[in-house]
Amino acid sequence: MKIDGGCHCGNITYVAEIDPDTVGICHCTDCQTLSGSAFRTTVPAAKDAFDLRSRKPKIYVKTAESGSKRVQAFCPECGTPIYSAAVNDPQTFMIRVGTIRQRAELRPKMQKWCRSALDWVMDLRSVRQIAKQHD
């Protein structure tokens, strides 16, 4: 599936080819902290199927629990997380689904690091819903 997207302010844009069946949610504590949310939703794109079309993102290198290092790329202007990848010669870019224009079509197929999931995340149906923000 061909996708396109970018950051909130429009400074970073990209196009990519992805397999929608590979969308996943990560509940690890690093993803919680780096996303500022309860989990992070990503989809992989191969190196040759991911093309940044505008400015370069700012890079932060994080060390995982395993000791491996990963690039975290985000917009230097608005702070939107764009992708993560291996530090040296990345072959796959884990694109943040929230930055994809076609995100409504990308339903997650799996969840990982569920031992770190916040217990309320697994069932949000009982949480009061409001269609849009009120003034």
Protein backbone atom coordinates (compact mmCIF):
# COMPACT_ATOMS: atom_id res chain seq x y z
CA MET A 1 0.00 0.00 0.00
CA LYS A 2 1.34 3.42 -0.89
CA ILE A 3 1.18 5.94 1.95
CA ASP A 4 2.23 9.52 2.55
CA GLY A 5 2.44 11.63 5.63
CA GLY A 6 4.40 14.03 7.72
CA CYS A 7 4.69 16.00 10.91
CA HIS A 8 2.09 18.34 12.40
CA CYS A 9 3.69 21.56 11.09
CA GLY A 10 4.50 20.22 7.60
CA ASN A 11 8.27 20.57 7.96
CA ILE A 12 8.82 16.80 7.46
CA THR A 13 7.00 14.87 4.71
CA TYR A 14 7.49 11.39 3.28
CA VAL A 15 6.08 8.70 1.01
CA ALA A 16 6.41 4.97 1.53
CA GLU A 17 5.19 1.57 0.47
CA ILE A 18 4.01 -0.60 3.37
CA ASP A 19 2.14 -3.82 4.07
CA PRO A 20 -0.97 -2.87 6.10
CA ASP A 21 -0.95 -6.34 7.69
CA THR A 22 2.25 -5.42 9.59
CA VAL A 23 0.81 -2.55 11.67
CA GLY A 24 1.52 -3.13 15.35
CA ILE A 25 1.20 -1.59 18.78
CA CYS A 26 4.08 -1.48 21.26
CA HIS A 27 3.34 -1.10 24.98
CA CYS A 28 6.97 -0.94 26.20
CA THR A 29 7.80 1.80 28.66
CA ASP A 30 10.21 3.42 26.17
CA CYS A 31 7.38 3.77 23.62
CA GLN A 32 5.06 5.12 26.30
CA THR A 33 7.59 7.78 27.28
CA LEU A 34 8.77 8.67 23.76
CA SER A 35 5.22 8.96 22.41
CA GLY A 36 3.86 10.75 25.47
CA SER A 37 0.99 8.26 25.38
CA ALA A 38 0.02 4.81 26.62
CA PHE A 39 1.46 2.99 23.57
CA ARG A 40 2.90 3.58 20.11
CA THR A 41 1.50 2.32 16.79
CA THR A 42 3.95 1.71 13.95
CA VAL A 43 4.26 0.11 10.53
CA PRO A 44 7.56 -0.97 8.95
CA ALA A 45 8.77 0.27 5.57
CA ALA A 46 11.83 -1.14 3.84
CA LYS A 47 14.75 1.25 3.27
CA ASP A 48 14.15 1.32 -0.50
CA ALA A 49 10.39 1.92 0.02
CA PHE A 50 10.70 4.96 2.33
CA ASP A 51 11.49 8.42 0.95
CA LEU A 52 11.79 11.61 2.97
CA ARG A 53 10.51 14.39 0.72
CA SER A 54 11.43 17.47 2.72
CA ARG A 55 13.73 18.52 5.52
CA LYS A 56 15.71 16.08 7.63
CA PRO A 57 14.39 15.10 11.04
CA LYS A 58 16.26 15.61 14.29
CA ILE A 59 17.75 12.37 15.58
CA TYR A 60 17.83 11.03 19.12
CA VAL A 61 19.51 7.67 19.82
CA LYS A 62 17.94 5.61 22.59
CA THR A 63 19.29 2.47 24.20
CA ALA A 64 16.72 -0.31 24.63
CA GLU A 65 16.44 -2.70 27.58
CA SER A 66 18.32 -5.21 25.41
CA GLY A 67 21.21 -2.77 24.97
CA SER A 68 20.58 -2.18 21.27
CA LYS A 69 20.55 1.39 20.06
CA ARG A 70 17.81 2.84 17.87
CA VAL A 71 17.41 6.13 16.08
CA GLN A 72 14.30 8.10 17.02
CA ALA A 73 13.55 10.68 14.31
CA PHE A 74 11.28 13.65 14.93
CA CYS A 75 10.51 17.08 13.55
CA PRO A 76 12.86 19.70 15.01
CA GLU A 77 10.11 22.33 14.73
CA CYS A 78 6.95 20.73 16.16
CA GLY A 79 8.40 17.61 17.83
CA THR A 80 6.24 15.08 15.98
CA PRO A 81 7.83 11.58 16.12
CA ILE A 82 8.24 10.32 12.52
CA TYR A 83 10.08 6.97 12.65
CA SER A 84 12.64 4.80 14.40
CA ALA A 85 15.39 2.74 12.79
CA ALA A 86 18.66 0.97 13.46
CA VAL A 87 21.58 3.30 14.12
CA ASN A 88 23.93 1.95 11.44
CA ASP A 89 22.65 1.34 7.90
CA PRO A 90 18.94 0.92 8.70
CA GLN A 91 17.14 -1.54 6.45
CA THR A 92 13.69 -0.85 7.92
CA PHE A 93 12.00 2.32 9.12
CA MET A 94 9.26 1.97 11.74
CA ILE A 95 6.88 4.75 10.71
CA ARG A 96 4.61 6.28 13.36
CA VAL A 97 1.07 5.56 12.18
CA GLY A 98 -0.26 8.85 13.57
CA THR A 99 1.82 10.69 10.93
CA ILE A 100 0.34 8.71 8.01
CA ARG A 101 -2.43 10.45 6.05
CA GLN A 102 -4.13 7.07 5.41
CA ARG A 103 -4.01 6.08 9.12
CA ALA A 104 -7.75 5.32 9.27
CA GLU A 105 -7.08 2.36 6.94
CA LEU A 106 -4.29 0.93 9.11
CA ARG A 107 -5.76 -1.29 11.80
CA PRO A 108 -3.16 -2.92 14.10
CA LYS A 109 -2.72 -6.67 13.70
CA MET A 110 -0.62 -7.33 16.81
CA GLN A 111 0.52 -5.93 20.16
CA LYS A 112 3.88 -6.45 21.84
CA TRP A 113 5.42 -5.73 25.24
CA CYS A 114 1.97 -6.29 26.74
CA ARG A 115 3.53 -6.92 30.17
CA SER A 116 4.12 -3.13 30.28
CA ALA A 117 0.66 -2.20 29.01
CA LEU A 118 -1.41 0.05 31.23
CA ASP A 119 -4.34 -2.11 32.37
CA TRP A 120 -7.01 0.34 31.18
CA VAL A 121 -5.66 0.37 27.61
CA MET A 122 -6.90 -3.14 26.84
CA ASP A 123 -10.56 -2.09 27.17
CA LEU A 124 -11.48 1.50 26.35
CA ARG A 125 -15.10 0.74 25.45
CA SER A 126 -16.32 1.66 28.94
CA VAL A 127 -14.62 5.09 28.89
CA ARG A 128 -17.00 7.99 28.19
CA GLN A 129 -16.77 9.16 24.58
CA ILE A 130 -17.10 12.74 23.32
CA ALA A 131 -17.30 13.28 19.54
CA LYS A 132 -15.22 16.48 19.49
CA GLN A 133 -13.71 19.04 21.84
CA HIS A 134 -16.17 21.52 23.29
CA ASP A 135 -15.31 25.18 23.83
